[in-house]
Amino acid sequence: MPTIGNGPDHGMAAGDPRDLLAGVWLWEHYQMKAKPSISGGWLRRARRALESDPESVEFGDLVLREAEVAHGSGDLDGALQRAREALPLARRCRSADLEAEALQTIGRNLIDAGSLVDGLGHLDEAMLSAVEAASGRTRPARCTAA
């Protein structure tokens, strides 16, 4: 489990996006442990901490976790909206990792919504982004204008 500081805010108020991303990781950790109240609290805390930096890869990671929550509650439209919000952000940030994750999230939700061909197309494109990420396309500290 990531360590992000001491005290009640675990350092999330410090403003370093890499530390703030740990709140998103803690959401995943507690989701895997079937502790939705704790995981939801971490996701809300991460949202508050990252709201002031919406043009960052870390914010995109947060939005994709929110898409997972929407998907898990049956809100496919909300999940698609969030994933589609993360995709252009990933491209502005030139983050192949975030782009791949956004594309696969869109693809899964489209498949679940009954759009098999479009969903599989997004999954194919996600694989291409994953290959690009593995080949060394790096994540800048901040995004740039499109």
Protein backbone atom coordinates (compact mmCIF):
# COMPACT_ATOMS: atom_id res chain seq x y z
CA MET A 1 0.00 0.00 0.00
CA PRO A 2 1.41 3.45 -0.87
CA THR A 3 2.57 5.73 1.89
CA ILE A 4 1.82 9.40 1.34
CA GLY A 5 2.61 11.12 4.58
CA ASN A 6 1.45 11.30 8.17
CA GLY A 7 -1.56 12.89 9.77
CA PRO A 8 -5.23 12.88 8.85
CA ASP A 9 -4.71 14.05 5.27
CA HIS A 10 -1.73 11.71 4.68
CA GLY A 11 0.09 14.56 2.95
CA MET A 12 -2.49 15.00 0.19
CA ALA A 13 -2.84 18.70 0.88
CA ALA A 14 0.81 19.21 -0.01
CA GLY A 15 -0.03 19.55 -3.70
CA ASP A 16 2.55 17.23 -5.28
CA PRO A 17 0.50 15.39 -7.94
CA ARG A 18 2.58 12.24 -7.56
CA ASP A 19 1.64 12.16 -3.87
CA LEU A 20 -1.97 13.02 -4.67
CA LEU A 21 -2.15 10.05 -7.03
CA ALA A 22 -1.61 7.83 -4.01
CA GLY A 23 -5.19 8.64 -2.98
CA VAL A 24 -6.32 7.05 -6.23
CA TRP A 25 -4.10 4.03 -5.52
CA LEU A 26 -5.59 3.76 -2.05
CA TRP A 27 -9.05 3.68 -3.65
CA GLU A 28 -7.91 0.65 -5.68
CA HIS A 29 -6.32 -0.98 -2.63
CA TYR A 30 -9.49 -0.74 -0.55
CA GLN A 31 -11.72 -1.73 -3.48
CA MET A 32 -9.70 -4.95 -3.81
CA LYS A 33 -10.16 -5.54 -0.08
CA ALA A 34 -13.95 -5.08 -0.47
CA LYS A 35 -13.99 -1.99 1.75
CA PRO A 36 -16.12 0.41 -0.31
CA SER A 37 -16.61 3.03 2.41
CA ILE A 38 -12.88 3.48 2.89
CA SER A 39 -12.16 3.35 -0.84
CA GLY A 40 -14.91 5.89 -1.55
CA GLY A 41 -13.45 8.21 1.06
CA TRP A 42 -10.03 8.05 -0.59
CA LEU A 43 -11.53 8.73 -4.00
CA ARG A 44 -13.41 11.78 -2.70
CA ARG A 45 -10.27 13.03 -0.96
CA ALA A 46 -8.27 12.56 -4.16
CA ARG A 47 -10.96 14.49 -6.11
CA ARG A 48 -10.72 17.44 -3.70
CA ALA A 49 -6.94 17.41 -3.83
CA LEU A 50 -6.71 17.17 -7.63
CA GLU A 51 -9.56 19.55 -8.61
CA SER A 52 -7.14 22.46 -8.84
CA ASP A 53 -5.00 20.59 -11.40
CA PRO A 54 -7.41 19.21 -14.03
CA GLU A 55 -4.76 19.29 -16.77
CA SER A 56 -2.64 16.49 -15.36
CA VAL A 57 -2.21 12.77 -15.85
CA GLU A 58 -3.06 12.32 -12.18
CA PHE A 59 -6.44 13.98 -12.69
CA GLY A 60 -7.05 11.66 -15.65
CA ASP A 61 -6.27 8.65 -13.44
CA LEU A 62 -8.82 9.94 -10.93
CA VAL A 63 -11.50 10.43 -13.59
CA LEU A 64 -10.99 6.85 -14.79
CA ARG A 65 -11.47 5.54 -11.24
CA GLU A 66 -14.68 7.55 -11.07
CA ALA A 67 -15.70 5.86 -14.34
CA GLU A 68 -15.11 2.50 -12.64
CA VAL A 69 -17.39 3.52 -9.78
CA ALA A 70 -20.10 4.61 -12.22
CA HIS A 71 -19.73 1.36 -14.18
CA GLY A 72 -19.94 -0.71 -11.00
CA SER A 73 -23.17 1.01 -10.01
CA GLY A 74 -24.69 0.36 -13.45
CA ASP A 75 -24.35 3.93 -14.71
CA LEU A 76 -22.85 3.13 -18.12
CA ASP A 77 -23.62 6.60 -19.51
CA GLY A 78 -21.80 8.22 -16.60
CA ALA A 79 -18.89 5.81 -16.95
CA LEU A 80 -18.60 6.54 -20.67
CA GLN A 81 -18.78 10.28 -20.05
CA ARG A 82 -15.93 10.14 -17.55
CA ALA A 83 -13.77 7.88 -19.70
CA ARG A 84 -14.35 10.12 -22.69
CA GLU A 85 -13.28 13.09 -20.56
CA ALA A 86 -9.98 11.34 -19.78
CA LEU A 87 -9.13 10.44 -23.39
CA PRO A 88 -8.46 13.94 -24.78
CA LEU A 89 -6.63 14.78 -21.55
CA ALA A 90 -4.38 11.76 -22.08
CA ARG A 91 -3.64 12.92 -25.60
CA ARG A 92 -2.89 16.49 -24.50
CA CYS A 93 -0.54 15.07 -21.89
CA ARG A 94 1.00 12.69 -24.41
CA SER A 95 0.48 9.88 -21.89
CA ALA A 96 0.22 6.56 -23.70
CA ASP A 97 -0.55 4.83 -20.38
CA LEU A 98 -3.52 7.06 -19.62
CA GLU A 99 -4.66 6.93 -23.25
CA ALA A 100 -4.62 3.11 -23.22
CA GLU A 101 -6.56 2.98 -19.98
CA ALA A 102 -9.13 5.51 -21.20
CA LEU A 103 -9.61 3.61 -24.47
CA GLN A 104 -10.05 0.28 -22.71
CA THR A 105 -12.50 1.82 -20.25
CA ILE A 106 -14.53 3.27 -23.12
CA GLY A 107 -14.36 -0.06 -24.93
CA ARG A 108 -15.55 -2.11 -21.95
CA ASN A 109 -18.44 0.25 -21.31
CA LEU A 110 -19.47 0.28 -24.98
CA ILE A 111 -19.46 -3.53 -25.02
CA ASP A 112 -21.55 -3.62 -21.84
CA ALA A 113 -23.94 -1.12 -23.44
CA GLY A 114 -24.35 -3.41 -26.46
CA SER A 115 -22.02 -1.66 -28.94
CA LEU A 116 -19.77 -4.63 -29.54
CA VAL A 117 -18.02 -3.50 -32.75
CA ASP A 118 -17.26 0.02 -31.49
CA GLY A 119 -16.22 -1.35 -28.10
CA LEU A 120 -13.82 -3.88 -29.62
CA GLY A 121 -12.39 -1.14 -31.84
CA HIS A 122 -11.59 0.91 -28.74
CA LEU A 123 -9.94 -2.13 -27.14
CA ASP A 124 -7.80 -2.62 -30.27
CA GLU A 125 -6.74 1.02 -30.12
CA ALA A 126 -6.01 0.63 -26.38
CA MET A 127 -3.61 -2.21 -27.19
CA LEU A 128 -1.79 0.04 -29.64
CA SER A 129 -1.44 2.71 -26.94
CA ALA A 130 -0.18 0.08 -24.51
CA VAL A 131 2.49 -0.97 -27.01
CA GLU A 132 3.48 2.67 -27.48
CA ALA A 133 3.76 3.07 -23.70
CA ALA A 134 5.95 -0.02 -23.48
CA SER A 135 8.20 1.41 -26.18
CA GLY A 136 9.05 4.40 -24.01
CA ARG A 137 6.55 7.17 -24.69
CA THR A 138 6.95 9.15 -21.48
CA ARG A 139 4.64 11.09 -19.18
CA PRO A 140 5.42 14.82 -18.88
CA ALA A 141 4.87 16.56 -15.57
CA ARG A 142 2.12 18.78 -17.04
CA CYS A 143 -0.08 18.63 -20.07
CA THR A 144 0.22 20.90 -23.05
CA ALA A 145 -2.45 22.56 -25.16
CA ALA A 146 -3.85 20.43 -27.96
